[in-house]
Amino acid sequence: MTLAYVGIGSNLDEPKSHVCLAFEDLAAIQGTSVLKRSSLYRSAPVGYADQPDFVNAVAEIETSLPASRLLAELKGIETRHGRRRSFRNAPRPLDLDILLYGEVTMNLAHLTLPHPRMHERAFVLKPLYEVAPHASIPGVGTVKDCLEKTAEQVAERIE
């Protein structure tokens, strides 16, 4: 079993509902359990700014699946929630990202671990710190140190 962290985000079609349902969807993946779930956070979009704010969260999971198989399961959940990949950073009903997968580091065409920009984004770091305050990002540093470097970014706890 591998301890992993999944970032969850939504900004379309009742975002809070999509995020809350995503926790249930994660728990339904064969060989996977949700151990902890963060509060919900609101944040402004990154990249393409002309879209609604996001609702974000992080799930701590334990899984027997290899990282690539876990990613395939996450993409299937996104599709079932109505995700269409029209352009980079487009609005979406659900976005699921593997943030950390144990201590694994990899850089494949379809999957980079740890998530390549997570250490720069308060909307990821705040909920991650809530569920795993002592976590480290391989090759980067502690979540706490990264969070301090993003202090100017707004990610407001809403629940």
C-alpha atoms as a PDB file:
ATOM      1  CA  MET A   1       0.000   0.000   0.000  1.00  0.00           C
ATOM      2  CA  THR A   2       1.195   3.486  -0.867  1.00  0.00           C
ATOM      3  CA  LEU A   3       0.274   6.702   0.909  1.00  0.00           C
ATOM      4  CA  ALA A   4      -0.658   9.330  -1.682  1.00  0.00           C
ATOM      5  CA  TYR A   5      -2.257  12.759  -1.835  1.00  0.00           C
ATOM      6  CA  VAL A   6      -4.796  13.826  -4.439  1.00  0.00           C
ATOM      7  CA  GLY A   7      -5.613  17.449  -5.219  1.00  0.00           C
ATOM      8  CA  ILE A   8      -9.268  18.125  -5.994  1.00  0.00           C
ATOM      9  CA  GLY A   9     -10.619  21.219  -7.728  1.00  0.00           C
ATOM     10  CA  SER A  10     -13.839  22.413  -9.357  1.00  0.00           C
ATOM     11  CA  ASN A  11     -15.268  25.663 -10.650  1.00  0.00           C
ATOM     12  CA  LEU A  12     -18.348  24.660 -12.655  1.00  0.00           C
ATOM     13  CA  ASP A  13     -21.798  23.232 -11.951  1.00  0.00           C
ATOM     14  CA  GLU A  14     -21.934  23.497  -8.150  1.00  0.00           C
ATOM     15  CA  PRO A  15     -18.215  23.147  -7.384  1.00  0.00           C
ATOM     16  CA  LYS A  16     -18.657  22.279  -3.688  1.00  0.00           C
ATOM     17  CA  SER A  17     -20.840  19.345  -4.669  1.00  0.00           C
ATOM     18  CA  HIS A  18     -18.312  18.024  -7.207  1.00  0.00           C
ATOM     19  CA  VAL A  19     -15.490  18.246  -4.667  1.00  0.00           C
ATOM     20  CA  CYS A  20     -17.487  16.483  -1.954  1.00  0.00           C
ATOM     21  CA  LEU A  21     -18.573  13.745  -4.369  1.00  0.00           C
ATOM     22  CA  ALA A  22     -14.944  13.330  -5.465  1.00  0.00           C
ATOM     23  CA  PHE A  23     -14.027  12.153  -1.954  1.00  0.00           C
ATOM     24  CA  GLU A  24     -16.649   9.404  -2.310  1.00  0.00           C
ATOM     25  CA  ASP A  25     -15.450   8.555  -5.823  1.00  0.00           C
ATOM     26  CA  LEU A  26     -11.869   8.212  -4.555  1.00  0.00           C
ATOM     27  CA  ALA A  27     -13.003   5.855  -1.802  1.00  0.00           C
ATOM     28  CA  ALA A  28     -14.779   3.712  -4.416  1.00  0.00           C
ATOM     29  CA  ILE A  29     -11.584   3.011  -6.380  1.00  0.00           C
ATOM     30  CA  GLN A  30     -10.660  -0.648  -5.927  1.00  0.00           C
ATOM     31  CA  GLY A  31      -7.712  -1.082  -3.582  1.00  0.00           C
ATOM     32  CA  THR A  32      -7.945   2.517  -2.350  1.00  0.00           C
ATOM     33  CA  SER A  33      -9.092   4.078   0.922  1.00  0.00           C
ATOM     34  CA  VAL A  34      -9.543   7.744   1.814  1.00  0.00           C
ATOM     35  CA  LEU A  35      -7.766   8.263   5.130  1.00  0.00           C
ATOM     36  CA  LYS A  36      -8.227  12.030   5.533  1.00  0.00           C
ATOM     37  CA  ARG A  37      -9.986  14.829   3.742  1.00  0.00           C
ATOM     38  CA  SER A  38      -9.220  18.509   4.028  1.00  0.00           C
ATOM     39  CA  SER A  39     -11.608  21.367   4.402  1.00  0.00           C
ATOM     40  CA  LEU A  40     -12.719  23.162   1.272  1.00  0.00           C
ATOM     41  CA  TYR A  41     -10.865  26.255   0.070  1.00  0.00           C
ATOM     42  CA  ARG A  42     -11.818  28.963  -2.434  1.00  0.00           C
ATOM     43  CA  SER A  43      -9.186  30.374  -4.792  1.00  0.00           C
ATOM     44  CA  ALA A  44      -8.914  32.485  -7.907  1.00  0.00           C
ATOM     45  CA  PRO A  45      -8.164  30.686 -11.183  1.00  0.00           C
ATOM     46  CA  VAL A  46      -4.548  30.371 -12.338  1.00  0.00           C
ATOM     47  CA  GLY A  47      -3.563  30.831 -15.974  1.00  0.00           C
ATOM     48  CA  TYR A  48      -6.851  31.540 -17.735  1.00  0.00           C
ATOM     49  CA  ALA A  49      -8.408  34.164 -15.441  1.00  0.00           C
ATOM     50  CA  ASP A  50     -11.796  34.726 -17.118  1.00  0.00           C
ATOM     51  CA  GLN A  51     -13.625  31.998 -15.220  1.00  0.00           C
ATOM     52  CA  PRO A  52     -15.253  31.420 -11.823  1.00  0.00           C
ATOM     53  CA  ASP A  53     -13.254  30.883  -8.630  1.00  0.00           C
ATOM     54  CA  PHE A  54     -12.295  27.326  -7.725  1.00  0.00           C
ATOM     55  CA  VAL A  55     -13.182  25.176  -4.763  1.00  0.00           C
ATOM     56  CA  ASN A  56     -10.183  23.038  -3.792  1.00  0.00           C
ATOM     57  CA  ALA A  57      -9.380  20.260  -1.336  1.00  0.00           C
ATOM     58  CA  VAL A  58      -6.889  17.444  -0.764  1.00  0.00           C
ATOM     59  CA  ALA A  59      -7.490  13.782   0.019  1.00  0.00           C
ATOM     60  CA  GLU A  60      -4.963  11.585   1.782  1.00  0.00           C
ATOM     61  CA  ILE A  61      -5.373   8.100   0.364  1.00  0.00           C
ATOM     62  CA  GLU A  62      -3.821   4.690   0.713  1.00  0.00           C
ATOM     63  CA  THR A  63      -3.765   2.658  -2.471  1.00  0.00           C
ATOM     64  CA  SER A  64      -2.499  -0.625  -3.831  1.00  0.00           C
ATOM     65  CA  LEU A  65      -2.601   0.742  -7.378  1.00  0.00           C
ATOM     66  CA  PRO A  66       0.540   1.776  -9.225  1.00  0.00           C
ATOM     67  CA  ALA A  67       0.702   5.513  -9.910  1.00  0.00           C
ATOM     68  CA  SER A  68      -0.179   5.229 -13.617  1.00  0.00           C
ATOM     69  CA  ARG A  69      -3.235   3.097 -12.851  1.00  0.00           C
ATOM     70  CA  LEU A  70      -4.326   5.532 -10.129  1.00  0.00           C
ATOM     71  CA  LEU A  71      -4.033   8.374 -12.648  1.00  0.00           C
ATOM     72  CA  ALA A  72      -6.227   6.455 -15.112  1.00  0.00           C
ATOM     73  CA  GLU A  73      -8.863   5.999 -12.388  1.00  0.00           C
ATOM     74  CA  LEU A  74      -8.749   9.746 -11.606  1.00  0.00           C
ATOM     75  CA  LYS A  75      -9.207  10.625 -15.288  1.00  0.00           C
ATOM     76  CA  GLY A  76     -12.220   8.302 -15.410  1.00  0.00           C
ATOM     77  CA  ILE A  77     -13.771  10.065 -12.408  1.00  0.00           C
ATOM     78  CA  GLU A  78     -13.193  13.459 -14.063  1.00  0.00           C
ATOM     79  CA  THR A  79     -14.911  12.231 -17.234  1.00  0.00           C
ATOM     80  CA  ARG A  80     -17.902  10.932 -15.277  1.00  0.00           C
ATOM     81  CA  HIS A  81     -18.213  14.407 -13.705  1.00  0.00           C
ATOM     82  CA  GLY A  82     -18.376  15.952 -17.187  1.00  0.00           C
ATOM     83  CA  ARG A  83     -14.791  17.125 -17.644  1.00  0.00           C
ATOM     84  CA  ARG A  84     -13.908  18.115 -21.213  1.00  0.00           C
ATOM     85  CA  ARG A  85     -10.358  19.185 -22.031  1.00  0.00           C
ATOM     86  CA  SER A  86     -11.037  22.116 -24.367  1.00  0.00           C
ATOM     87  CA  PHE A  87      -7.881  24.150 -23.595  1.00  0.00           C
ATOM     88  CA  ARG A  88      -5.217  24.460 -20.896  1.00  0.00           C
ATOM     89  CA  ASN A  89      -6.567  25.804 -17.568  1.00  0.00           C
ATOM     90  CA  ALA A  90     -10.148  25.821 -18.884  1.00  0.00           C
ATOM     91  CA  PRO A  91     -13.080  25.881 -16.452  1.00  0.00           C
ATOM     92  CA  ARG A  92     -13.989  22.376 -15.306  1.00  0.00           C
ATOM     93  CA  PRO A  93     -16.478  20.537 -13.137  1.00  0.00           C
ATOM     94  CA  LEU A  94     -13.700  18.401 -11.646  1.00  0.00           C
ATOM     95  CA  ASP A  95      -9.918  18.256 -11.702  1.00  0.00           C
ATOM     96  CA  LEU A  96      -8.031  15.499  -9.875  1.00  0.00           C
ATOM     97  CA  ASP A  97      -4.238  15.479  -9.613  1.00  0.00           C
ATOM     98  CA  ILE A  98      -1.844  13.092  -7.917  1.00  0.00           C
ATOM     99  CA  LEU A  99       0.226  15.466  -5.805  1.00  0.00           C
ATOM    100  CA  LEU A 100       2.436  12.982  -3.991  1.00  0.00           C
ATOM    101  CA  TYR A 101       2.693   9.214  -4.384  1.00  0.00           C
ATOM    102  CA  GLY A 102       4.779   7.966  -1.496  1.00  0.00           C
ATOM    103  CA  GLU A 103       8.331   9.224  -2.026  1.00  0.00           C
ATOM    104  CA  VAL A 104       8.202   8.447  -5.754  1.00  0.00           C
ATOM    105  CA  THR A 105       9.649  10.868  -8.271  1.00  0.00           C
ATOM    106  CA  MET A 106       9.022  10.315 -11.977  1.00  0.00           C
ATOM    107  CA  ASN A 107       8.762  12.322 -15.135  1.00  0.00           C
ATOM    108  CA  LEU A 108       6.769  10.502 -17.809  1.00  0.00           C
ATOM    109  CA  ALA A 109       4.868  12.005 -20.725  1.00  0.00           C
ATOM    110  CA  HIS A 110       1.547  11.476 -18.924  1.00  0.00           C
ATOM    111  CA  LEU A 111       2.570  11.762 -15.258  1.00  0.00           C
ATOM    112  CA  THR A 112       5.083  13.804 -13.271  1.00  0.00           C
ATOM    113  CA  LEU A 113       5.561  13.144  -9.560  1.00  0.00           C
ATOM    114  CA  PRO A 114       5.534  15.031  -7.372  1.00  0.00           C
ATOM    115  CA  HIS A 115       3.079  17.307  -9.152  1.00  0.00           C
ATOM    116  CA  PRO A 116       5.359  19.853 -10.852  1.00  0.00           C
ATOM    117  CA  ARG A 117       3.713  23.091  -9.683  1.00  0.00           C
ATOM    118  CA  MET A 118       2.192  22.093  -6.358  1.00  0.00           C
ATOM    119  CA  HIS A 119       4.910  23.814  -4.320  1.00  0.00           C
ATOM    120  CA  GLU A 120       3.990  27.169  -5.937  1.00  0.00           C
ATOM    121  CA  ARG A 121       0.252  27.087  -5.223  1.00  0.00           C
ATOM    122  CA  ALA A 122      -1.353  27.982  -1.920  1.00  0.00           C
ATOM    123  CA  PHE A 123      -4.651  26.404  -3.013  1.00  0.00           C
ATOM    124  CA  VAL A 124      -2.830  23.055  -3.010  1.00  0.00           C
ATOM    125  CA  LEU A 125      -0.505  23.637  -0.079  1.00  0.00           C
ATOM    126  CA  LYS A 126      -3.089  24.886   2.451  1.00  0.00           C
ATOM    127  CA  PRO A 127      -5.353  21.815   2.254  1.00  0.00           C
ATOM    128  CA  LEU A 128      -2.320  19.518   1.984  1.00  0.00           C
ATOM    129  CA  TYR A 129      -0.814  21.052   5.124  1.00  0.00           C
ATOM    130  CA  GLU A 130      -4.143  20.561   6.888  1.00  0.00           C
ATOM    131  CA  VAL A 131      -4.100  16.780   6.310  1.00  0.00           C
ATOM    132  CA  ALA A 132      -0.303  16.242   6.322  1.00  0.00           C
ATOM    133  CA  PRO A 133       1.491  19.017   8.233  1.00  0.00           C
ATOM    134  CA  HIS A 134       4.790  17.102   8.300  1.00  0.00           C
ATOM    135  CA  ALA A 135       4.789  16.127   4.618  1.00  0.00           C
ATOM    136  CA  SER A 136       7.715  16.860   2.336  1.00  0.00           C
ATOM    137  CA  ILE A 137       7.802  17.322  -1.400  1.00  0.00           C
ATOM    138  CA  PRO A 138      10.683  15.256  -2.797  1.00  0.00           C
ATOM    139  CA  GLY A 139      13.332  17.484  -4.316  1.00  0.00           C
ATOM    140  CA  VAL A 140      11.652  20.670  -3.029  1.00  0.00           C
ATOM    141  CA  GLY A 141      11.260  20.717   0.759  1.00  0.00           C
ATOM    142  CA  THR A 142       8.589  20.631   3.427  1.00  0.00           C
ATOM    143  CA  VAL A 143       5.004  21.592   2.724  1.00  0.00           C
ATOM    144  CA  LYS A 144       5.255  24.071   5.592  1.00  0.00           C
ATOM    145  CA  ASP A 145       8.246  25.864   4.032  1.00  0.00           C
ATOM    146  CA  CYS A 146       6.565  25.970   0.627  1.00  0.00           C
ATOM    147  CA  LEU A 147       3.378  27.320   2.178  1.00  0.00           C
ATOM    148  CA  GLU A 148       5.316  30.165   3.802  1.00  0.00           C
ATOM    149  CA  LYS A 149       6.692  31.117   0.359  1.00  0.00           C
ATOM    150  CA  THR A 150       3.143  31.406  -1.040  1.00  0.00           C
ATOM    151  CA  ALA A 151       1.766  33.512   1.838  1.00  0.00           C
ATOM    152  CA  GLU A 152       0.677  36.313  -0.529  1.00  0.00           C
ATOM    153  CA  GLN A 153      -1.664  33.969  -2.437  1.00  0.00           C
ATOM    154  CA  VAL A 154      -5.290  33.834  -1.366  1.00  0.00           C
ATOM    155  CA  ALA A 155      -6.809  30.433  -0.652  1.00  0.00           C
ATOM    156  CA  GLU A 156      -9.684  30.993   1.749  1.00  0.00           C
ATOM    157  CA  ARG A 157     -11.054  28.170   3.870  1.00  0.00           C
ATOM    158  CA  ILE A 158     -14.823  27.992   3.276  1.00  0.00           C
ATOM    159  CA  GLU A 159     -15.853  25.012   5.370  1.00  0.00           C
END
